[in-house]
PDB file of N, CA and C in Angstrom:
ATOM      1  N   GLN A   1     -33.967   3.938 -39.506  1.00  0.00           N
ATOM      2  CA  GLN A   1     -32.836   3.303 -39.059  1.00  0.00           C
ATOM      3  C   GLN A   1     -31.472   3.890 -39.881  1.00  0.00           C
ATOM      4  N   VAL A   2     -30.627   4.435 -39.226  1.00  0.00           N
ATOM      5  CA  VAL A   2     -29.328   4.987 -39.889  1.00  0.00           C
ATOM      6  C   VAL A   2     -28.565   3.883 -40.320  1.00  0.00           C
ATOM      7  N   GLN A   3     -28.083   3.998 -41.572  1.00  0.00           N
ATOM      8  CA  GLN A   3     -27.157   3.041 -42.065  1.00  0.00           C
ATOM      9  C   GLN A   3     -26.012   3.682 -42.805  1.00  0.00           C
ATOM     10  N   LEU A   4     -24.859   3.290 -42.531  1.00  0.00           N
ATOM     11  CA  LEU A   4     -23.506   3.832 -43.189  1.00  0.00           C
ATOM     12  C   LEU A   4     -22.862   2.916 -44.045  1.00  0.00           C
ATOM     13  N   LEU A   5     -22.541   3.095 -45.162  1.00  0.00           N
ATOM     14  CA  LEU A   5     -21.922   2.240 -46.109  1.00  0.00           C
ATOM     15  C   LEU A   5     -20.619   2.953 -46.619  1.00  0.00           C
ATOM     16  N   GLU A   6     -19.480   2.371 -46.353  1.00  0.00           N
ATOM     17  CA  GLU A   6     -18.245   2.866 -46.676  1.00  0.00           C
ATOM     18  C   GLU A   6     -17.709   2.099 -47.934  1.00  0.00           C
ATOM     19  N   SER A   7     -17.016   2.821 -48.797  1.00  0.00           N
ATOM     20  CA  SER A   7     -16.398   2.326 -49.967  1.00  0.00           C
ATOM     21  C   SER A   7     -15.150   3.065 -50.236  1.00  0.00           C
ATOM     22  N   GLY A   8     -14.295   2.551 -51.108  1.00  0.00           N
ATOM     23  CA  GLY A   8     -12.988   3.232 -51.592  1.00  0.00           C
ATOM     24  C   GLY A   8     -11.838   2.819 -51.060  1.00  0.00           C
ATOM     25  N   GLY A   9     -11.617   1.848 -50.170  1.00  0.00           N
ATOM     26  CA  GLY A   9     -10.555   1.316 -49.628  1.00  0.00           C
ATOM     27  C   GLY A   9      -9.768   0.557 -50.753  1.00  0.00           C
ATOM     28  N   GLY A  10      -8.431   0.142 -50.328  1.00  0.00           N
ATOM     29  CA  GLY A  10      -7.693  -0.623 -51.143  1.00  0.00           C
ATOM     30  C   GLY A  10      -6.226  -0.597 -50.795  1.00  0.00           C
ATOM     31  N   LEU A  11      -5.540  -1.118 -51.806  1.00  0.00           N
ATOM     32  CA  LEU A  11      -3.972  -0.956 -51.642  1.00  0.00           C
ATOM     33  C   LEU A  11      -3.401   0.017 -52.512  1.00  0.00           C
ATOM     34  N   VAL A  12      -2.459   0.789 -51.884  1.00  0.00           N
ATOM     35  CA  VAL A  12      -1.869   1.964 -52.552  1.00  0.00           C
ATOM     36  C   VAL A  12      -0.507   2.055 -52.016  1.00  0.00           C
ATOM     37  N   GLN A  13       0.498   2.568 -53.005  1.00  0.00           N
ATOM     38  CA  GLN A  13       1.775   2.763 -52.672  1.00  0.00           C
ATOM     39  C   GLN A  13       1.951   4.001 -51.745  1.00  0.00           C
ATOM     40  N   SER A  14       3.027   4.109 -51.087  1.00  0.00           N
ATOM     41  CA  SER A  14       3.367   5.379 -50.180  1.00  0.00           C
ATOM     42  C   SER A  14       3.336   6.588 -51.282  1.00  0.00           C
ATOM     43  N   TRP A  15       2.886   7.677 -50.661  1.00  0.00           N
ATOM     44  CA  TRP A  15       2.697   8.922 -51.284  1.00  0.00           C
ATOM     45  C   TRP A  15       1.444   8.945 -52.393  1.00  0.00           C
ATOM     46  N   GLY A  16       0.721   7.724 -52.503  1.00  0.00           N
ATOM     47  CA  GLY A  16      -0.505   7.690 -53.349  1.00  0.00           C
ATOM     48  C   GLY A  16      -1.597   8.334 -52.711  1.00  0.00           C
ATOM     49  N   SER A  17      -2.754   8.186 -53.378  1.00  0.00           N
ATOM     50  CA  SER A  17      -4.048   8.808 -52.901  1.00  0.00           C
ATOM     51  C   SER A  17      -5.161   7.837 -53.134  1.00  0.00           C
ATOM     52  N   LEU A  18      -6.101   7.961 -52.101  1.00  0.00           N
ATOM     53  CA  LEU A  18      -7.391   7.167 -52.156  1.00  0.00           C
ATOM     54  C   LEU A  18      -8.448   8.197 -51.614  1.00  0.00           C
ATOM     55  N   ARG A  19      -9.631   7.918 -52.147  1.00  0.00           N
ATOM     56  CA  ARG A  19     -10.955   8.576 -51.652  1.00  0.00           C
ATOM     57  C   ARG A  19     -11.862   7.691 -51.055  1.00  0.00           C
ATOM     58  N   LEU A  20     -12.094   7.815 -49.773  1.00  0.00           N
ATOM     59  CA  LEU A  20     -13.101   7.044 -49.169  1.00  0.00           C
ATOM     60  C   LEU A  20     -14.572   7.729 -49.298  1.00  0.00           C
ATOM     61  N   SER A  21     -15.628   6.989 -49.392  1.00  0.00           N
ATOM     62  CA  SER A  21     -16.947   7.467 -49.352  1.00  0.00           C
ATOM     63  C   SER A  21     -17.816   6.924 -48.404  1.00  0.00           C
ATOM     64  N   CYS A  22     -18.591   7.591 -47.764  1.00  0.00           N
ATOM     65  CA  CYS A  22     -19.501   7.072 -46.774  1.00  0.00           C
ATOM     66  C   CYS A  22     -20.915   7.569 -47.188  1.00  0.00           C
ATOM     67  N   GLU A  23     -21.745   6.496 -47.616  1.00  0.00           N
ATOM     68  CA  GLU A  23     -23.050   6.798 -47.926  1.00  0.00           C
ATOM     69  C   GLU A  23     -23.992   6.659 -46.750  1.00  0.00           C
ATOM     70  N   VAL A  24     -24.680   7.828 -46.459  1.00  0.00           N
ATOM     71  CA  VAL A  24     -25.603   7.882 -45.138  1.00  0.00           C
ATOM     72  C   VAL A  24     -27.123   7.721 -45.760  1.00  0.00           C
ATOM     73  N   SER A  25     -27.735   6.649 -45.126  1.00  0.00           N
ATOM     74  CA  SER A  25     -29.165   6.514 -45.343  1.00  0.00           C
ATOM     75  C   SER A  25     -29.974   6.375 -43.988  1.00  0.00           C
ATOM     76  N   GLY A  26     -31.172   6.905 -44.145  1.00  0.00           N
ATOM     77  CA  GLY A  26     -32.017   6.820 -42.897  1.00  0.00           C
ATOM     78  C   GLY A  26     -31.931   7.838 -41.927  1.00  0.00           C
ATOM     79  N   SER A  27     -31.112   8.769 -42.186  1.00  0.00           N
ATOM     80  CA  SER A  27     -30.854   9.918 -41.322  1.00  0.00           C
ATOM     81  C   SER A  27     -32.033  11.075 -41.534  1.00  0.00           C
ATOM     82  N   ASP A  28     -32.239  11.874 -40.519  1.00  0.00           N
ATOM     83  CA  ASP A  28     -33.220  13.017 -40.770  1.00  0.00           C
ATOM     84  C   ASP A  28     -32.490  14.115 -41.016  1.00  0.00           C
ATOM     85  N   SER A  29     -33.142  15.371 -40.942  1.00  0.00           N
ATOM     86  CA  SER A  29     -32.465  16.592 -41.162  1.00  0.00           C
ATOM     87  C   SER A  29     -31.887  17.319 -40.036  1.00  0.00           C
ATOM     88  N   ARG A  30     -31.950  16.691 -38.825  1.00  0.00           N
ATOM     89  CA  ARG A  30     -31.452  17.297 -37.580  1.00  0.00           C
ATOM     90  C   ARG A  30     -29.842  17.280 -37.638  1.00  0.00           C
ATOM     91  N   PRO A  31     -29.300  18.287 -36.973  1.00  0.00           N
ATOM     92  CA  PRO A  31     -27.919  18.465 -37.027  1.00  0.00           C
ATOM     93  C   PRO A  31     -27.183  17.015 -36.589  1.00  0.00           C
ATOM     94  N   ASN A  32     -26.127  16.690 -37.266  1.00  0.00           N
ATOM     95  CA  ASN A  32     -25.296  15.557 -36.846  1.00  0.00           C
ATOM     96  C   ASN A  32     -23.772  15.819 -37.164  1.00  0.00           C
ATOM     97  N   VAL A  33     -22.962  14.998 -36.734  1.00  0.00           N
ATOM     98  CA  VAL A  33     -21.595  15.080 -36.968  1.00  0.00           C
ATOM     99  C   VAL A  33     -21.220  13.778 -37.652  1.00  0.00           C
ATOM    100  N   VAL A  34     -20.581  13.815 -38.911  1.00  0.00           N
ATOM    101  CA  VAL A  34     -20.099  12.529 -39.472  1.00  0.00           C
ATOM    102  C   VAL A  34     -18.572  12.599 -39.471  1.00  0.00           C
ATOM    103  N   GLY A  35     -18.097  11.459 -38.892  1.00  0.00           N
ATOM    104  CA  GLY A  35     -16.519  11.271 -38.845  1.00  0.00           C
ATOM    105  C   GLY A  35     -16.055  10.084 -39.434  1.00  0.00           C
ATOM    106  N   TRP A  36     -14.687  10.216 -39.781  1.00  0.00           N
ATOM    107  CA  TRP A  36     -14.090   8.986 -40.189  1.00  0.00           C
ATOM    108  C   TRP A  36     -13.082   8.509 -38.973  1.00  0.00           C
ATOM    109  N   PHE A  37     -13.126   7.317 -38.647  1.00  0.00           N
ATOM    110  CA  PHE A  37     -12.152   6.750 -37.607  1.00  0.00           C
ATOM    111  C   PHE A  37     -11.382   5.753 -38.271  1.00  0.00           C
ATOM    112  N   ARG A  38     -10.296   5.255 -37.626  1.00  0.00           N
ATOM    113  CA  ARG A  38      -9.401   4.186 -38.079  1.00  0.00           C
ATOM    114  C   ARG A  38      -8.854   3.375 -36.977  1.00  0.00           C
ATOM    115  N   GLN A  39      -8.786   2.041 -37.330  1.00  0.00           N
ATOM    116  CA  GLN A  39      -8.182   1.148 -36.361  1.00  0.00           C
ATOM    117  C   GLN A  39      -7.101   0.301 -36.918  1.00  0.00           C
ATOM    118  N   ALA A  40      -5.904   0.497 -36.621  1.00  0.00           N
ATOM    119  CA  ALA A  40      -4.743  -0.360 -37.077  1.00  0.00           C
ATOM    120  C   ALA A  40      -4.665  -1.632 -36.369  1.00  0.00           C
ATOM    121  N   PRO A  41      -3.976  -2.531 -36.906  1.00  0.00           N
ATOM    122  CA  PRO A  41      -3.933  -3.893 -36.141  1.00  0.00           C
ATOM    123  C   PRO A  41      -3.342  -3.705 -34.811  1.00  0.00           C
ATOM    124  N   GLY A  42      -4.053  -4.286 -33.883  1.00  0.00           N
ATOM    125  CA  GLY A  42      -3.489  -4.196 -32.523  1.00  0.00           C
ATOM    126  C   GLY A  42      -3.840  -2.884 -31.781  1.00  0.00           C
ATOM    127  N   GLY A  43      -4.402  -1.954 -32.476  1.00  0.00           N
ATOM    128  CA  GLY A  43      -4.566  -0.609 -31.944  1.00  0.00           C
ATOM    129  C   GLY A  43      -6.058  -0.292 -31.558  1.00  0.00           C
ATOM    130  N   GLY A  44      -6.348   0.938 -31.126  1.00  0.00           N
ATOM    131  CA  GLY A  44      -7.632   1.313 -30.819  1.00  0.00           C
ATOM    132  C   GLY A  44      -8.210   2.024 -31.994  1.00  0.00           C
ATOM    133  N   ARG A  45      -9.506   2.461 -31.952  1.00  0.00           N
ATOM    134  CA  ARG A  45     -10.213   3.142 -32.957  1.00  0.00           C
ATOM    135  C   ARG A  45     -10.008   4.639 -32.611  1.00  0.00           C
ATOM    136  N   ASP A  46      -9.360   5.404 -33.591  1.00  0.00           N
ATOM    137  CA  ASP A  46      -9.210   6.700 -33.345  1.00  0.00           C
ATOM    138  C   ASP A  46      -9.729   7.621 -34.545  1.00  0.00           C
ATOM    139  N   LEU A  47      -9.946   8.940 -33.972  1.00  0.00           N
ATOM    140  CA  LEU A  47     -10.593   9.746 -34.895  1.00  0.00           C
ATOM    141  C   LEU A  47      -9.635  10.250 -35.990  1.00  0.00           C
ATOM    142  N   VAL A  48      -9.964  10.296 -37.137  1.00  0.00           N
ATOM    143  CA  VAL A  48      -9.249  10.884 -38.285  1.00  0.00           C
ATOM    144  C   VAL A  48      -9.673  12.254 -38.483  1.00  0.00           C
ATOM    145  N   ALA A  49     -10.898  12.439 -38.795  1.00  0.00           N
ATOM    146  CA  ALA A  49     -11.608  13.705 -39.130  1.00  0.00           C
ATOM    147  C   ALA A  49     -13.016  13.677 -38.925  1.00  0.00           C
ATOM    148  N   HIS A  50     -13.654  14.801 -38.671  1.00  0.00           N
ATOM    149  CA  HIS A  50     -15.133  14.936 -38.735  1.00  0.00           C
ATOM    150  C   HIS A  50     -15.646  16.155 -39.252  1.00  0.00           C
ATOM    151  N   ILE A  51     -16.868  16.184 -39.771  1.00  0.00           N
ATOM    152  CA  ILE A  51     -17.491  17.372 -40.321  1.00  0.00           C
ATOM    153  C   ILE A  51     -18.908  17.452 -39.749  1.00  0.00           C
ATOM    154  N   THR A  52     -19.210  18.692 -39.384  1.00  0.00           N
ATOM    155  CA  THR A  52     -20.551  18.934 -38.875  1.00  0.00           C
ATOM    156  C   THR A  52     -21.500  19.247 -39.967  1.00  0.00           C
ATOM    157  N   THR A  53     -22.829  19.398 -39.544  1.00  0.00           N
ATOM    158  CA  THR A  53     -23.842  19.577 -40.581  1.00  0.00           C
ATOM    159  C   THR A  53     -23.628  20.979 -41.377  1.00  0.00           C
ATOM    160  N   SER A  54     -22.985  21.847 -40.508  1.00  0.00           N
ATOM    161  CA  SER A  54     -22.765  23.230 -41.156  1.00  0.00           C
ATOM    162  C   SER A  54     -21.452  23.323 -41.799  1.00  0.00           C
ATOM    163  N   GLY A  55     -20.702  22.267 -41.828  1.00  0.00           N
ATOM    164  CA  GLY A  55     -19.377  22.135 -42.553  1.00  0.00           C
ATOM    165  C   GLY A  55     -18.184  22.456 -41.742  1.00  0.00           C
ATOM    166  N   GLY A  56     -18.255  22.600 -40.399  1.00  0.00           N
ATOM    167  CA  GLY A  56     -17.147  22.754 -39.608  1.00  0.00           C
ATOM    168  C   GLY A  56     -16.424  21.381 -39.622  1.00  0.00           C
ATOM    169  N   THR A  57     -15.014  21.411 -39.695  1.00  0.00           N
ATOM    170  CA  THR A  57     -14.188  20.250 -39.694  1.00  0.00           C
ATOM    171  C   THR A  57     -13.218  20.239 -38.614  1.00  0.00           C
ATOM    172  N   ASN A  58     -12.671  19.032 -38.297  1.00  0.00           N
ATOM    173  CA  ASN A  58     -11.650  18.731 -37.413  1.00  0.00           C
ATOM    174  C   ASN A  58     -10.806  17.729 -37.796  1.00  0.00           C
ATOM    175  N   TYR A  59      -9.497  17.762 -37.623  1.00  0.00           N
ATOM    176  CA  TYR A  59      -8.635  16.734 -38.023  1.00  0.00           C
ATOM    177  C   TYR A  59      -7.607  16.233 -37.072  1.00  0.00           C
ATOM    178  N   ALA A  60      -7.439  14.927 -37.089  1.00  0.00           N
ATOM    179  CA  ALA A  60      -6.176  14.527 -36.198  1.00  0.00           C
ATOM    180  C   ALA A  60      -4.893  15.205 -36.676  1.00  0.00           C
ATOM    181  N   ASP A  61      -3.946  15.421 -35.772  1.00  0.00           N
ATOM    182  CA  ASP A  61      -2.775  16.132 -36.155  1.00  0.00           C
ATOM    183  C   ASP A  61      -1.997  15.301 -37.218  1.00  0.00           C
ATOM    184  N   SER A  62      -2.100  13.988 -37.093  1.00  0.00           N
ATOM    185  CA  SER A  62      -1.362  13.140 -37.959  1.00  0.00           C
ATOM    186  C   SER A  62      -1.735  13.256 -39.420  1.00  0.00           C
ATOM    187  N   VAL A  63      -2.905  13.777 -39.693  1.00  0.00           N
ATOM    188  CA  VAL A  63      -3.472  13.764 -41.144  1.00  0.00           C
ATOM    189  C   VAL A  63      -3.661  15.308 -41.595  1.00  0.00           C
ATOM    190  N   LYS A  64      -3.471  16.230 -40.670  1.00  0.00           N
ATOM    191  CA  LYS A  64      -3.683  17.650 -41.180  1.00  0.00           C
ATOM    192  C   LYS A  64      -2.715  17.882 -42.330  1.00  0.00           C
ATOM    193  N   GLY A  65      -3.272  18.459 -43.392  1.00  0.00           N
ATOM    194  CA  GLY A  65      -2.584  18.878 -44.620  1.00  0.00           C
ATOM    195  C   GLY A  65      -2.590  17.675 -45.591  1.00  0.00           C
ATOM    196  N   ARG A  66      -2.952  16.699 -45.223  1.00  0.00           N
ATOM    197  CA  ARG A  66      -2.898  15.425 -46.238  1.00  0.00           C
ATOM    198  C   ARG A  66      -4.415  14.977 -46.589  1.00  0.00           C
ATOM    199  N   PHE A  67      -5.160  14.971 -45.581  1.00  0.00           N
ATOM    200  CA  PHE A  67      -6.568  14.459 -45.677  1.00  0.00           C
ATOM    201  C   PHE A  67      -7.531  15.643 -45.733  1.00  0.00           C
ATOM    202  N   THR A  68      -8.651  15.471 -46.459  1.00  0.00           N
ATOM    203  CA  THR A  68      -9.704  16.391 -46.483  1.00  0.00           C
ATOM    204  C   THR A  68     -11.006  15.572 -46.471  1.00  0.00           C
ATOM    205  N   ILE A  69     -11.862  16.187 -45.504  1.00  0.00           N
ATOM    206  CA  ILE A  69     -13.131  15.667 -45.397  1.00  0.00           C
ATOM    207  C   ILE A  69     -14.146  16.711 -45.961  1.00  0.00           C
ATOM    208  N   SER A  70     -15.238  16.059 -46.605  1.00  0.00           N
ATOM    209  CA  SER A  70     -16.272  16.887 -47.242  1.00  0.00           C
ATOM    210  C   SER A  70     -17.574  16.214 -47.244  1.00  0.00           C
ATOM    211  N   ARG A  71     -18.673  17.058 -47.330  1.00  0.00           N
ATOM    212  CA  ARG A  71     -19.986  16.454 -47.610  1.00  0.00           C
ATOM    213  C   ARG A  71     -20.559  16.759 -49.023  1.00  0.00           C
ATOM    214  N   ASP A  72     -21.259  15.936 -49.448  1.00  0.00           N
ATOM    215  CA  ASP A  72     -21.995  15.929 -50.749  1.00  0.00           C
ATOM    216  C   ASP A  72     -23.379  15.885 -50.322  1.00  0.00           C
ATOM    217  N   GLY A  73     -24.086  17.085 -50.051  1.00  0.00           N
ATOM    218  CA  GLY A  73     -25.440  16.960 -49.377  1.00  0.00           C
ATOM    219  C   GLY A  73     -26.464  16.313 -50.377  1.00  0.00           C
ATOM    220  N   ALA A  74     -26.277  16.645 -51.745  1.00  0.00           N
ATOM    221  CA  ALA A  74     -27.329  16.053 -52.704  1.00  0.00           C
ATOM    222  C   ALA A  74     -27.156  14.584 -52.731  1.00  0.00           C
ATOM    223  N   LYS A  75     -25.957  14.051 -52.419  1.00  0.00           N
ATOM    224  CA  LYS A  75     -25.903  12.481 -52.589  1.00  0.00           C
ATOM    225  C   LYS A  75     -25.835  11.897 -51.141  1.00  0.00           C
ATOM    226  N   ASN A  76     -25.913  12.853 -50.119  1.00  0.00           N
ATOM    227  CA  ASN A  76     -26.007  12.284 -48.704  1.00  0.00           C
ATOM    228  C   ASN A  76     -24.784  11.406 -48.453  1.00  0.00           C
ATOM    229  N   THR A  77     -23.666  11.966 -48.845  1.00  0.00           N
ATOM    230  CA  THR A  77     -22.409  11.351 -48.765  1.00  0.00           C
ATOM    231  C   THR A  77     -21.258  12.143 -48.117  1.00  0.00           C
ATOM    232  N   VAL A  78     -20.491  11.514 -47.366  1.00  0.00           N
ATOM    233  CA  VAL A  78     -19.248  12.058 -46.813  1.00  0.00           C
ATOM    234  C   VAL A  78     -18.006  11.490 -47.288  1.00  0.00           C
ATOM    235  N   LEU A  79     -17.201  12.378 -47.914  1.00  0.00           N
ATOM    236  CA  LEU A  79     -16.007  11.941 -48.535  1.00  0.00           C
ATOM    237  C   LEU A  79     -14.823  12.099 -47.667  1.00  0.00           C
ATOM    238  N   LEU A  80     -13.744  11.283 -47.743  1.00  0.00           N
ATOM    239  CA  LEU A  80     -12.500  11.476 -47.177  1.00  0.00           C
ATOM    240  C   LEU A  80     -11.436  11.357 -48.220  1.00  0.00           C
ATOM    241  N   GLN A  81     -10.814  12.462 -48.705  1.00  0.00           N
ATOM    242  CA  GLN A  81      -9.734  12.453 -49.631  1.00  0.00           C
ATOM    243  C   GLN A  81      -8.497  12.269 -48.926  1.00  0.00           C
ATOM    244  N   MET A  82      -7.753  11.200 -49.292  1.00  0.00           N
ATOM    245  CA  MET A  82      -6.474  11.003 -48.540  1.00  0.00           C
ATOM    246  C   MET A  82      -5.289  11.181 -49.627  1.00  0.00           C
ATOM    247  N   ASN A  83      -4.527  12.045 -49.392  1.00  0.00           N
ATOM    248  CA  ASN A  83      -3.271  12.152 -50.153  1.00  0.00           C
ATOM    249  C   ASN A  83      -2.079  12.126 -49.360  1.00  0.00           C
ATOM    250  N   SER A  84      -0.795  11.763 -50.154  1.00  0.00           N
ATOM    251  CA  SER A  84       0.358  11.645 -49.566  1.00  0.00           C
ATOM    252  C   SER A  84       0.382  10.545 -48.478  1.00  0.00           C
ATOM    253  N   LEU A  85      -0.238   9.440 -48.855  1.00  0.00           N
ATOM    254  CA  LEU A  85      -0.482   8.282 -47.807  1.00  0.00           C
ATOM    255  C   LEU A  85       0.925   7.717 -47.442  1.00  0.00           C
ATOM    256  N   LYS A  86       1.001   7.287 -46.199  1.00  0.00           N
ATOM    257  CA  LYS A  86       2.095   6.776 -45.582  1.00  0.00           C
ATOM    258  C   LYS A  86       1.684   5.272 -45.075  1.00  0.00           C
ATOM    259  N   PRO A  87       2.681   4.461 -44.821  1.00  0.00           N
ATOM    260  CA  PRO A  87       2.373   3.089 -44.441  1.00  0.00           C
ATOM    261  C   PRO A  87       1.806   3.155 -43.021  1.00  0.00           C
ATOM    262  N   GLU A  88       1.994   4.148 -42.131  1.00  0.00           N
ATOM    263  CA  GLU A  88       1.239   4.190 -40.856  1.00  0.00           C
ATOM    264  C   GLU A  88      -0.306   4.656 -40.980  1.00  0.00           C
ATOM    265  N   ASP A  89      -0.706   4.944 -42.158  1.00  0.00           N
ATOM    266  CA  ASP A  89      -2.124   5.164 -42.405  1.00  0.00           C
ATOM    267  C   ASP A  89      -2.852   3.934 -42.603  1.00  0.00           C
ATOM    268  N   THR A  90      -2.074   2.754 -42.820  1.00  0.00           N
ATOM    269  CA  THR A  90      -2.812   1.413 -42.982  1.00  0.00           C
ATOM    270  C   THR A  90      -3.671   1.156 -41.687  1.00  0.00           C
ATOM    271  N   ALA A  91      -4.941   0.871 -42.041  1.00  0.00           N
ATOM    272  CA  ALA A  91      -5.827   0.696 -41.026  1.00  0.00           C
ATOM    273  C   ALA A  91      -7.215   0.274 -41.686  1.00  0.00           C
ATOM    274  N   VAL A  92      -8.128  -0.230 -40.832  1.00  0.00           N
ATOM    275  CA  VAL A  92      -9.671  -0.290 -41.339  1.00  0.00           C
ATOM    276  C   VAL A  92     -10.260   1.120 -40.824  1.00  0.00           C
ATOM    277  N   TYR A  93     -10.837   1.628 -41.842  1.00  0.00           N
ATOM    278  CA  TYR A  93     -11.435   3.088 -41.840  1.00  0.00           C
ATOM    279  C   TYR A  93     -12.967   2.842 -41.622  1.00  0.00           C
ATOM    280  N   TYR A  94     -13.475   3.449 -40.532  1.00  0.00           N
ATOM    281  CA  TYR A  94     -14.864   3.381 -40.209  1.00  0.00           C
ATOM    282  C   TYR A  94     -15.630   4.843 -40.286  1.00  0.00           C
ATOM    283  N   CYS A  95     -16.746   4.847 -40.901  1.00  0.00           N
ATOM    284  CA  CYS A  95     -17.625   5.957 -40.825  1.00  0.00           C
ATOM    285  C   CYS A  95     -18.435   5.912 -39.629  1.00  0.00           C
ATOM    286  N   ASN A  96     -18.617   7.049 -39.012  1.00  0.00           N
ATOM    287  CA  ASN A  96     -19.365   7.164 -37.822  1.00  0.00           C
ATOM    288  C   ASN A  96     -20.340   8.394 -37.988  1.00  0.00           C
ATOM    289  N   LEU A  97     -21.463   8.294 -37.560  1.00  0.00           N
ATOM    290  CA  LEU A  97     -22.482   9.418 -37.373  1.00  0.00           C
ATOM    291  C   LEU A  97     -22.925   9.505 -35.966  1.00  0.00           C
ATOM    292  N   GLN A  98     -22.769  10.724 -35.488  1.00  0.00           N
ATOM    293  CA  GLN A  98     -23.249  11.027 -34.117  1.00  0.00           C
ATOM    294  C   GLN A  98     -24.399  12.107 -34.093  1.00  0.00           C
ATOM    295  N   GLN A  99     -25.372  11.675 -33.525  1.00  0.00           N
ATOM    296  CA  GLN A  99     -26.564  12.643 -33.259  1.00  0.00           C
ATOM    297  C   GLN A  99     -27.198  12.563 -32.067  1.00  0.00           C
ATOM    298  N   PHE A 100     -27.142  13.666 -31.264  1.00  0.00           N
ATOM    299  CA  PHE A 100     -27.782  13.782 -29.899  1.00  0.00           C
ATOM    300  C   PHE A 100     -27.248  12.567 -29.093  1.00  0.00           C
ATOM    301  N   GLY A 101     -25.890  12.348 -29.091  1.00  0.00           N
ATOM    302  CA  GLY A 101     -25.535  11.352 -28.241  1.00  0.00           C
ATOM    303  C   GLY A 101     -25.489   9.917 -28.710  1.00  0.00           C
ATOM    304  N   THR A 102     -26.184   9.632 -29.769  1.00  0.00           N
ATOM    305  CA  THR A 102     -26.286   8.312 -30.461  1.00  0.00           C
ATOM    306  C   THR A 102     -25.278   8.231 -31.408  1.00  0.00           C
ATOM    307  N   HIS A 103     -24.600   7.052 -31.514  1.00  0.00           N
ATOM    308  CA  HIS A 103     -23.386   6.811 -32.520  1.00  0.00           C
ATOM    309  C   HIS A 103     -23.868   5.616 -33.473  1.00  0.00           C
ATOM    310  N   TYR A 104     -23.636   5.776 -34.639  1.00  0.00           N
ATOM    311  CA  TYR A 104     -23.876   4.818 -35.743  1.00  0.00           C
ATOM    312  C   TYR A 104     -22.610   4.490 -36.395  1.00  0.00           C
ATOM    313  N   TRP A 105     -22.344   3.251 -36.645  1.00  0.00           N
ATOM    314  CA  TRP A 105     -21.091   2.877 -37.425  1.00  0.00           C
ATOM    315  C   TRP A 105     -21.340   2.217 -38.627  1.00  0.00           C
ATOM    316  N   GLY A 106     -20.455   2.316 -39.548  1.00  0.00           N
ATOM    317  CA  GLY A 106     -20.403   1.485 -40.642  1.00  0.00           C
ATOM    318  C   GLY A 106     -19.517   0.286 -40.385  1.00  0.00           C
ATOM    319  N   LYS A 107     -19.378  -0.618 -41.554  1.00  0.00           N
ATOM    320  CA  LYS A 107     -18.620  -1.895 -41.172  1.00  0.00           C
ATOM    321  C   LYS A 107     -17.224  -1.717 -41.398  1.00  0.00           C
ATOM    322  N   GLY A 108     -16.717  -0.690 -41.963  1.00  0.00           N
ATOM    323  CA  GLY A 108     -15.393  -0.385 -42.248  1.00  0.00           C
ATOM    324  C   GLY A 108     -14.916  -0.760 -43.652  1.00  0.00           C
ATOM    325  N   THR A 109     -13.795  -0.061 -44.076  1.00  0.00           N
ATOM    326  CA  THR A 109     -13.184  -0.369 -45.374  1.00  0.00           C
ATOM    327  C   THR A 109     -11.646  -0.363 -45.194  1.00  0.00           C
ATOM    328  N   LEU A 110     -11.083  -1.359 -45.518  1.00  0.00           N
ATOM    329  CA  LEU A 110      -9.632  -1.478 -45.454  1.00  0.00           C
ATOM    330  C   LEU A 110      -8.598  -0.676 -46.246  1.00  0.00           C
ATOM    331  N   VAL A 111      -7.788   0.025 -45.788  1.00  0.00           N
ATOM    332  CA  VAL A 111      -6.791   0.860 -46.452  1.00  0.00           C
ATOM    333  C   VAL A 111      -5.327   0.273 -46.163  1.00  0.00           C
ATOM    334  N   THR A 112      -4.724  -0.223 -47.200  1.00  0.00           N
ATOM    335  CA  THR A 112      -3.310  -0.669 -46.947  1.00  0.00           C
ATOM    336  C   THR A 112      -2.319   0.210 -47.879  1.00  0.00           C
ATOM    337  N   VAL A 113      -1.369   0.793 -47.074  1.00  0.00           N
ATOM    338  CA  VAL A 113      -0.378   1.578 -47.756  1.00  0.00           C
ATOM    339  C   VAL A 113       0.930   0.750 -47.755  1.00  0.00           C
ATOM    340  N   SER A 114       1.478   0.505 -48.870  1.00  0.00           N
ATOM    341  CA  SER A 114       2.820  -0.228 -49.003  1.00  0.00           C
ATOM    342  C   SER A 114       3.965   0.671 -49.074  1.00  0.00           C
ATOM    343  N   SER A 115       5.002   0.223 -48.560  1.00  0.00           N
ATOM    344  CA  SER A 115       6.170   1.251 -48.559  1.00  0.00           C
ATOM    345  C   SER A 115       7.134   1.014 -49.756  1.00  0.00           C
TER     346      SER A 115
END
């Protein structure tokens, strides 16, 4: 059973930085895509960034140049480094693992950016 555990959220001022971590357990060695999504109050759940098993990445336009997603294979962890944070980045951030059409979700971590 795949389980995802997010950590690293919190309160930060505008232009500050946070690093989110997603610890993946129970997955096998088959190819997968791990992504970070976010959901602001009253909004939908939108893709922020994802990374494939081979290291390919994709970012939402709104975070390009500010956020970086990476994998730490030894620790089975996916990181999201968030720099130059803006109030509009405030949301609950969810880790997602997709493998052969099956999606797994973490419970989310709250990021609040004050102006």
